[in-house]
N, C-alpha and C. Protein backbone atom coordinates (compact mmCIF):
# COMPACT_ATOMS: atom_id res chain seq x y z
N MET A 1 -90.85 48.08 144.18
CA MET A 1 -91.91 47.57 145.17
C MET A 1 -89.92 48.09 146.86
N SER A 2 -91.11 48.52 147.50
CA SER A 2 -89.45 48.45 148.52
C SER A 2 -88.78 47.29 149.33
N THR A 3 -87.90 47.82 150.25
CA THR A 3 -86.68 46.71 150.67
C THR A 3 -88.21 45.86 151.93
N CYS A 4 -88.81 46.55 151.62
CA CYS A 4 -89.45 46.04 153.28
C CYS A 4 -90.54 44.35 152.53
N GLU A 5 -90.57 45.05 150.74
CA GLU A 5 -91.76 43.33 150.46
C GLU A 5 -90.82 42.84 150.16
N ASN A 6 -89.66 41.87 150.38
CA ASN A 6 -88.62 40.94 149.89
C ASN A 6 -89.63 40.28 150.21
N GLN A 7 -90.19 39.61 151.15
CA GLN A 7 -90.76 38.41 151.39
C GLN A 7 -91.69 38.43 149.89
N ILE A 8 -92.21 37.28 149.67
CA ILE A 8 -93.36 37.30 148.66
C ILE A 8 -93.78 35.03 148.70
N ASN A 9 -95.12 35.38 148.49
CA ASN A 9 -95.88 34.09 148.43
C ASN A 9 -96.53 33.98 147.82
N LEU A 10 -96.05 33.04 146.94
CA LEU A 10 -96.47 32.61 145.67
C LEU A 10 -97.50 32.11 145.21
N GLY A 11 -97.92 31.32 146.09
CA GLY A 11 -99.08 30.79 146.49
C GLY A 11 -99.25 29.53 146.90
N THR A 12 -100.21 28.57 145.77
CA THR A 12 -100.27 26.88 146.32
C THR A 12 -101.34 26.41 145.01
N TRP A 13 -100.42 25.79 144.79
CA TRP A 13 -100.88 25.06 143.20
C TRP A 13 -101.19 23.44 143.76
N GLU A 14 -102.27 23.03 142.81
CA GLU A 14 -102.71 21.42 143.05
C GLU A 14 -102.22 21.39 141.26
N LEU A 15 -101.57 19.84 141.89
CA LEU A 15 -101.23 19.50 140.80
C LEU A 15 -101.77 18.18 140.00
N THR A 16 -103.06 19.31 139.77
CA THR A 16 -104.33 17.93 139.25
C THR A 16 -104.15 16.73 137.80
N GLU A 17 -105.04 15.96 137.53
CA GLU A 17 -104.49 15.32 136.18
C GLU A 17 -104.45 16.01 135.11
N SER A 18 -105.01 16.58 135.36
CA SER A 18 -106.15 18.13 134.20
C SER A 18 -104.77 18.76 134.08
N TRP A 19 -104.15 19.43 135.27
CA TRP A 19 -103.27 20.73 135.13
C TRP A 19 -102.43 19.50 134.20
N PHE A 20 -102.14 18.76 134.55
CA PHE A 20 -100.78 17.69 133.93
C PHE A 20 -100.68 17.37 132.41
N ASN A 21 -101.88 16.85 131.83
CA ASN A 21 -102.42 17.08 130.91
C ASN A 21 -101.92 18.37 130.10
N LYS A 22 -102.76 19.17 130.18
CA LYS A 22 -102.60 19.81 129.79
C LYS A 22 -101.16 20.66 129.50
N TYR A 23 -100.50 20.99 130.33
CA TYR A 23 -99.32 21.52 130.60
C TYR A 23 -98.70 20.47 129.15
N LEU A 24 -98.50 19.12 129.62
CA LEU A 24 -97.62 18.43 128.36
C LEU A 24 -97.81 18.61 127.02
N ILE A 25 -99.40 18.93 126.65
CA ILE A 25 -100.01 19.09 125.72
C ILE A 25 -98.82 20.91 125.10
N SER A 26 -99.50 21.72 126.60
CA SER A 26 -99.04 23.18 126.04
C SER A 26 -97.35 23.19 125.60
N VAL A 27 -96.39 22.51 125.53
CA VAL A 27 -95.48 22.43 126.16
C VAL A 27 -94.93 21.29 124.64
N GLY A 28 -95.77 20.04 124.21
CA GLY A 28 -95.32 19.61 122.83
C GLY A 28 -94.50 18.35 123.53
N ASP A 29 -94.61 17.76 124.97
CA ASP A 29 -93.77 16.85 125.66
C ASP A 29 -94.06 15.58 125.07
N THR A 30 -93.74 14.79 124.64
CA THR A 30 -94.22 13.71 124.76
C THR A 30 -94.07 11.98 125.15
N SER A 31 -92.51 13.15 126.07
CA SER A 31 -92.06 11.83 126.81
C SER A 31 -92.89 10.89 128.04
N PRO A 32 -93.46 9.12 127.55
CA PRO A 32 -93.57 8.63 128.35
C PRO A 32 -93.67 8.24 129.45
N GLU A 33 -92.40 8.62 129.75
CA GLU A 33 -91.72 8.40 131.62
C GLU A 33 -92.71 9.88 132.00
N TYR A 34 -92.77 10.70 132.03
CA TYR A 34 -94.05 11.30 133.31
C TYR A 34 -95.21 10.33 133.12
N VAL A 35 -95.48 10.90 132.39
CA VAL A 35 -97.47 10.14 132.18
C VAL A 35 -96.99 8.46 132.95
N GLU A 36 -95.95 7.68 132.49
CA GLU A 36 -96.18 6.47 133.05
C GLU A 36 -95.94 6.72 134.41
N CYS A 37 -94.46 7.20 134.94
CA CYS A 37 -94.25 7.51 136.60
C CYS A 37 -94.66 8.48 137.43
N ARG A 38 -95.94 9.05 136.41
CA ARG A 38 -96.72 10.50 137.33
C ARG A 38 -96.01 11.37 137.77
N ILE A 39 -95.05 11.52 137.71
CA ILE A 39 -93.80 12.94 138.00
C ILE A 39 -93.98 13.90 136.82
N VAL A 40 -94.44 14.63 137.78
CA VAL A 40 -94.55 16.73 136.93
C VAL A 40 -93.01 17.59 136.65
N PRO A 41 -92.90 16.67 135.72
CA PRO A 41 -91.50 17.75 135.22
C PRO A 41 -91.02 18.88 135.94
N ALA A 42 -89.49 19.21 136.23
CA ALA A 42 -89.73 20.18 137.25
C ALA A 42 -88.62 21.36 136.69
N ILE A 43 -89.40 21.13 135.61
CA ILE A 43 -89.65 22.57 134.39
C ILE A 43 -90.67 23.36 134.41
N ALA A 44 -92.08 22.32 134.81
CA ALA A 44 -93.07 22.37 134.39
C ALA A 44 -93.53 23.23 136.19
N ILE A 45 -92.98 23.12 137.14
CA ILE A 45 -92.47 23.25 138.75
C ILE A 45 -92.23 24.69 138.44
N SER A 46 -91.10 25.22 138.05
CA SER A 46 -90.44 26.44 137.35
C SER A 46 -91.65 27.11 136.95
N ALA A 47 -92.17 26.66 135.74
CA ALA A 47 -92.95 27.53 135.14
C ALA A 47 -94.13 28.00 136.03
N LEU A 48 -95.04 27.58 136.94
CA LEU A 48 -95.88 27.91 138.10
C LEU A 48 -95.13 28.74 139.02
N VAL A 49 -93.63 29.07 139.18
CA VAL A 49 -93.42 29.69 139.69
C VAL A 49 -93.32 31.87 139.32
N ILE A 50 -92.60 31.05 137.93
CA ILE A 50 -92.73 32.32 137.17
C ILE A 50 -93.34 33.32 137.31
N GLY A 51 -94.79 32.14 136.72
CA GLY A 51 -96.09 32.84 136.51
C GLY A 51 -96.57 33.81 137.95
N ALA A 52 -95.94 33.09 138.90
CA ALA A 52 -96.37 34.23 139.77
C ALA A 52 -95.57 34.70 140.35
N LEU A 53 -94.79 35.10 140.12
CA LEU A 53 -93.59 36.18 140.09
C LEU A 53 -93.84 37.51 140.03
N LEU A 54 -94.00 36.72 138.37
CA LEU A 54 -94.37 38.05 137.17
C LEU A 54 -95.64 38.86 137.55
N LYS A 55 -96.71 38.17 138.52
CA LYS A 55 -98.06 38.52 138.64
C LYS A 55 -97.68 39.15 140.04
N ARG A 56 -97.39 38.52 140.98
CA ARG A 56 -96.72 39.56 142.18
C ARG A 56 -95.75 40.32 142.21
N LEU A 57 -95.11 40.71 141.36
CA LEU A 57 -93.76 41.68 140.76
C LEU A 57 -94.60 42.58 140.18
N LYS A 58 -95.75 42.57 139.36
CA LYS A 58 -96.15 43.35 138.57
C LYS A 58 -95.05 44.11 137.51
N LEU A 59 -94.71 43.35 137.24
CA LEU A 59 -93.76 43.86 135.71
C LEU A 59 -94.28 44.74 134.54
N PRO A 60 -93.78 45.19 134.40
CA PRO A 60 -93.82 46.11 133.30
C PRO A 60 -93.73 45.32 131.97
N SER A 61 -94.37 46.12 130.74
CA SER A 61 -94.22 45.59 129.13
C SER A 61 -92.51 45.56 129.56
N GLY A 62 -92.34 44.94 128.22
CA GLY A 62 -90.44 44.96 127.86
C GLY A 62 -89.75 44.23 128.99
N THR A 63 -89.92 43.33 130.59
CA THR A 63 -89.48 42.76 131.02
C THR A 63 -88.89 41.92 130.58
N ILE A 64 -87.73 41.23 130.75
CA ILE A 64 -86.94 40.09 130.20
C ILE A 64 -86.53 38.94 130.59
N HIS A 65 -87.20 38.08 130.96
CA HIS A 65 -87.03 36.98 132.03
C HIS A 65 -85.22 36.31 131.46
N SER A 66 -84.14 36.31 132.12
CA SER A 66 -83.00 36.24 131.45
C SER A 66 -81.91 35.04 132.36
N LEU A 67 -82.94 33.92 133.06
CA LEU A 67 -81.57 33.67 134.12
C LEU A 67 -82.49 32.64 135.05
N GLN A 68 -82.43 32.01 134.69
CA GLN A 68 -83.02 30.33 135.76
C GLN A 68 -82.26 29.42 135.76
N ASP A 69 -82.01 29.21 137.29
CA ASP A 69 -81.86 28.17 137.81
C ASP A 69 -82.84 27.06 138.52
N ILE A 70 -82.52 25.98 138.15
CA ILE A 70 -83.20 25.02 139.09
C ILE A 70 -82.30 23.70 139.84
N ASP A 71 -83.23 23.65 141.11
CA ASP A 71 -82.34 22.59 142.32
C ASP A 71 -83.53 21.73 142.21
N THR A 72 -83.83 20.67 141.43
CA THR A 72 -84.40 19.88 142.50
C THR A 72 -84.14 19.26 143.54
N ILE A 73 -85.00 18.69 144.60
CA ILE A 73 -84.74 17.98 145.58
C ILE A 73 -85.42 16.57 146.07
N VAL A 74 -86.45 16.82 145.17
CA VAL A 74 -86.82 15.87 145.27
C VAL A 74 -87.88 15.55 144.12
N PRO A 75 -88.43 13.83 143.72
CA PRO A 75 -89.69 14.02 142.28
C PRO A 75 -91.14 14.42 143.15
N VAL A 76 -91.73 15.03 142.25
CA VAL A 76 -93.33 15.40 142.51
C VAL A 76 -93.79 14.80 141.71
N ASN A 77 -95.31 14.36 142.66
CA ASN A 77 -96.35 13.43 141.73
C ASN A 77 -97.74 14.19 141.23
N ILE A 78 -97.37 14.03 139.92
CA ILE A 78 -99.21 13.93 140.51
C ILE A 78 -100.41 13.87 140.96
N GLY A 79 -100.82 15.33 141.36
CA GLY A 79 -101.91 15.23 142.39
C GLY A 79 -101.02 16.24 143.80
N GLU A 80 -100.12 16.09 144.11
CA GLU A 80 -99.44 16.48 145.16
C GLU A 80 -99.93 18.14 144.78
N SER A 81 -100.00 18.47 145.90
CA SER A 81 -100.21 20.48 146.33
C SER A 81 -98.92 20.92 146.79
N LEU A 82 -98.66 21.93 146.59
CA LEU A 82 -97.78 22.85 146.65
C LEU A 82 -97.50 24.34 146.76
N THR A 83 -96.76 24.74 147.54
CA THR A 83 -96.26 26.25 147.81
C THR A 83 -94.46 26.93 147.67
N GLY A 84 -95.77 27.88 147.28
CA GLY A 84 -94.18 28.59 146.97
C GLY A 84 -93.88 30.18 147.81
N ASN A 85 -92.28 30.11 147.95
CA ASN A 85 -92.30 31.23 148.62
C ASN A 85 -90.68 32.43 147.34
N ALA A 86 -90.77 33.06 148.02
CA ALA A 86 -90.30 33.61 146.85
C ALA A 86 -89.18 35.23 148.34
N GLU A 87 -87.84 34.96 147.89
CA GLU A 87 -87.42 36.68 147.63
C GLU A 87 -86.29 37.61 147.01
N ILE A 88 -86.60 38.23 147.03
CA ILE A 88 -85.49 39.77 146.55
C ILE A 88 -84.67 39.02 146.52
N SER A 89 -83.61 38.79 145.93
CA SER A 89 -82.51 38.88 146.77
C SER A 89 -81.42 40.16 146.24
N GLN A 90 -81.54 40.13 145.49
CA GLN A 90 -80.66 41.30 145.23
C GLN A 90 -81.34 42.47 143.66
N THR A 91 -80.84 43.67 143.73
CA THR A 91 -81.23 44.69 142.57
C THR A 91 -80.08 45.27 142.24
N ARG A 92 -79.57 45.75 141.40
CA ARG A 92 -78.88 46.06 140.65
C ARG A 92 -79.67 46.60 139.45
N ARG A 93 -78.66 48.02 139.08
CA ARG A 93 -78.69 48.42 138.04
C ARG A 93 -77.60 48.39 136.69
N ARG A 94 -77.98 48.33 135.35
CA ARG A 94 -76.68 48.57 134.05
C ARG A 94 -76.97 49.34 133.44
N GLY A 95 -76.06 50.27 132.61
CA GLY A 95 -77.13 51.20 131.87
C GLY A 95 -78.49 51.35 131.81
N GLU A 96 -78.86 51.26 130.95
CA GLU A 96 -80.59 51.12 130.63
C GLU A 96 -81.80 50.36 131.18
N LEU A 97 -80.72 49.03 132.35
CA LEU A 97 -81.90 48.00 132.76
C LEU A 97 -81.40 47.50 134.37
N LYS A 98 -82.56 47.45 134.71
CA LYS A 98 -82.28 47.34 136.56
C LYS A 98 -82.81 45.91 136.21
N PHE A 99 -81.40 45.03 137.09
CA PHE A 99 -81.51 43.38 136.95
C PHE A 99 -82.71 43.50 138.38
N ILE A 100 -83.51 42.28 138.37
CA ILE A 100 -84.13 42.18 139.84
C ILE A 100 -84.03 40.82 139.60
N THR A 101 -82.98 39.70 140.78
CA THR A 101 -82.74 38.70 140.98
C THR A 101 -83.58 38.14 142.21
N VAL A 102 -84.60 37.01 141.93
CA VAL A 102 -85.36 36.13 143.33
C VAL A 102 -84.82 34.65 143.32
N ILE A 103 -84.84 34.69 144.59
CA ILE A 103 -84.69 32.68 144.65
C ILE A 103 -86.27 33.03 145.33
N TYR A 104 -86.63 31.67 145.78
CA TYR A 104 -87.30 30.64 145.45
C TYR A 104 -87.48 28.81 146.45
N SER A 105 -88.17 28.65 146.67
CA SER A 105 -88.35 27.44 147.23
C SER A 105 -89.93 26.92 147.23
N VAL A 106 -89.90 25.70 147.24
CA VAL A 106 -91.77 25.41 146.71
C VAL A 106 -91.49 23.83 147.21
N ASN A 107 -92.23 23.93 147.98
CA ASN A 107 -92.83 22.88 149.10
C ASN A 107 -94.47 22.12 148.99
N ASN A 108 -93.65 20.56 149.09
CA ASN A 108 -95.48 19.89 149.60
C ASN A 108 -96.10 20.35 150.66
N ALA A 109 -97.30 18.99 151.17
CA ALA A 109 -97.88 19.52 151.37
C ALA A 109 -97.35 19.23 152.87
N ASP A 110 -96.55 18.41 153.05
CA ASP A 110 -95.69 17.99 154.25
C ASP A 110 -94.70 19.01 155.01
N GLY A 111 -94.76 19.60 154.18
CA GLY A 111 -93.66 21.17 153.99
C GLY A 111 -92.35 20.77 154.10
N GLU A 112 -92.29 19.25 153.20
CA GLU A 112 -90.63 18.68 152.50
C GLU A 112 -90.43 20.27 151.23
N GLU A 113 -89.24 20.12 151.32
CA GLU A 113 -88.68 21.20 150.54
C GLU A 113 -88.76 20.38 149.41
N VAL A 114 -88.93 20.95 147.46
CA VAL A 114 -89.51 19.58 146.42
C VAL A 114 -88.21 20.63 145.20
N GLN A 115 -88.24 21.80 145.20
CA GLN A 115 -87.86 22.79 145.00
C GLN A 115 -86.85 23.92 145.28
N VAL A 116 -85.96 24.40 144.67
CA VAL A 116 -85.25 25.95 145.16
C VAL A 116 -84.37 26.43 143.66
N GLY A 117 -85.05 27.51 143.23
CA GLY A 117 -84.38 28.18 142.59
C GLY A 117 -83.83 29.78 141.98
N ARG A 118 -83.72 29.95 141.22
CA ARG A 118 -82.89 31.35 141.28
C ARG A 118 -84.10 31.52 139.88
N SER A 119 -83.67 33.28 140.12
CA SER A 119 -84.49 33.67 138.30
C SER A 119 -84.32 35.53 138.83
N THR A 120 -83.97 35.77 137.07
CA THR A 120 -83.17 36.75 136.99
C THR A 120 -83.70 37.86 135.89
N VAL A 121 -85.00 38.99 136.13
CA VAL A 121 -84.96 39.27 134.79
C VAL A 121 -85.05 40.95 134.66
N LEU A 122 -84.72 41.41 133.66
CA LEU A 122 -84.48 42.29 132.88
C LEU A 122 -85.42 43.75 133.09
N VAL A 123 -85.64 45.20 133.86
CA VAL A 123 -86.22 46.20 133.44
C VAL A 123 -86.31 46.97 132.83
N PRO A 124 -86.89 47.32 131.68
CA PRO A 124 -86.11 48.60 130.77
C PRO A 124 -86.26 49.76 131.09
N GLN A 125 -85.00 50.46 131.42
CA GLN A 125 -85.19 51.76 131.63
C GLN A 125 -85.86 52.90 132.28
N GLU A 126 -87.08 52.80 131.20
CA GLU A 126 -88.23 53.72 130.95
C GLU A 126 -89.08 53.54 131.17
N SER A 127 -89.02 52.11 132.28
CA SER A 127 -89.90 51.37 133.53
C SER A 127 -90.30 51.47 135.18
N VAL A 128 -88.89 51.92 134.89
CA VAL A 128 -88.55 51.99 136.14
C VAL A 128 -88.56 53.23 136.50
N ASN A 129 -89.07 53.29 137.90
CA ASN A 129 -89.14 54.04 138.89
C ASN A 129 -88.00 54.67 139.46
């Protein structure tokens, strides 16, 4: 990825009831608070971001997701629509690995920032061009 491609549109996500239920089942979360309060777990939003990043960056097999920082600004409810944007903030090499750090933000339909974070992946040397 060249330096002129630092801005990454992560897309839009509709946090439907069906999506919410599938997420809780897939991670084995039985906490009643999420269902009763209709609040989406912060890590579920982060998982959407990571999934989109993996697709947009076209990372090769063998890439390791090594670091995730999340800051939730406001809770997100089931039924909301979110959009995400990211930016490559740093790339560096150490030995056989290339480190790529991305910062991201997620906004609701009103444009209010609901979550920000930082993610780092390690790309093996044989995959780095």
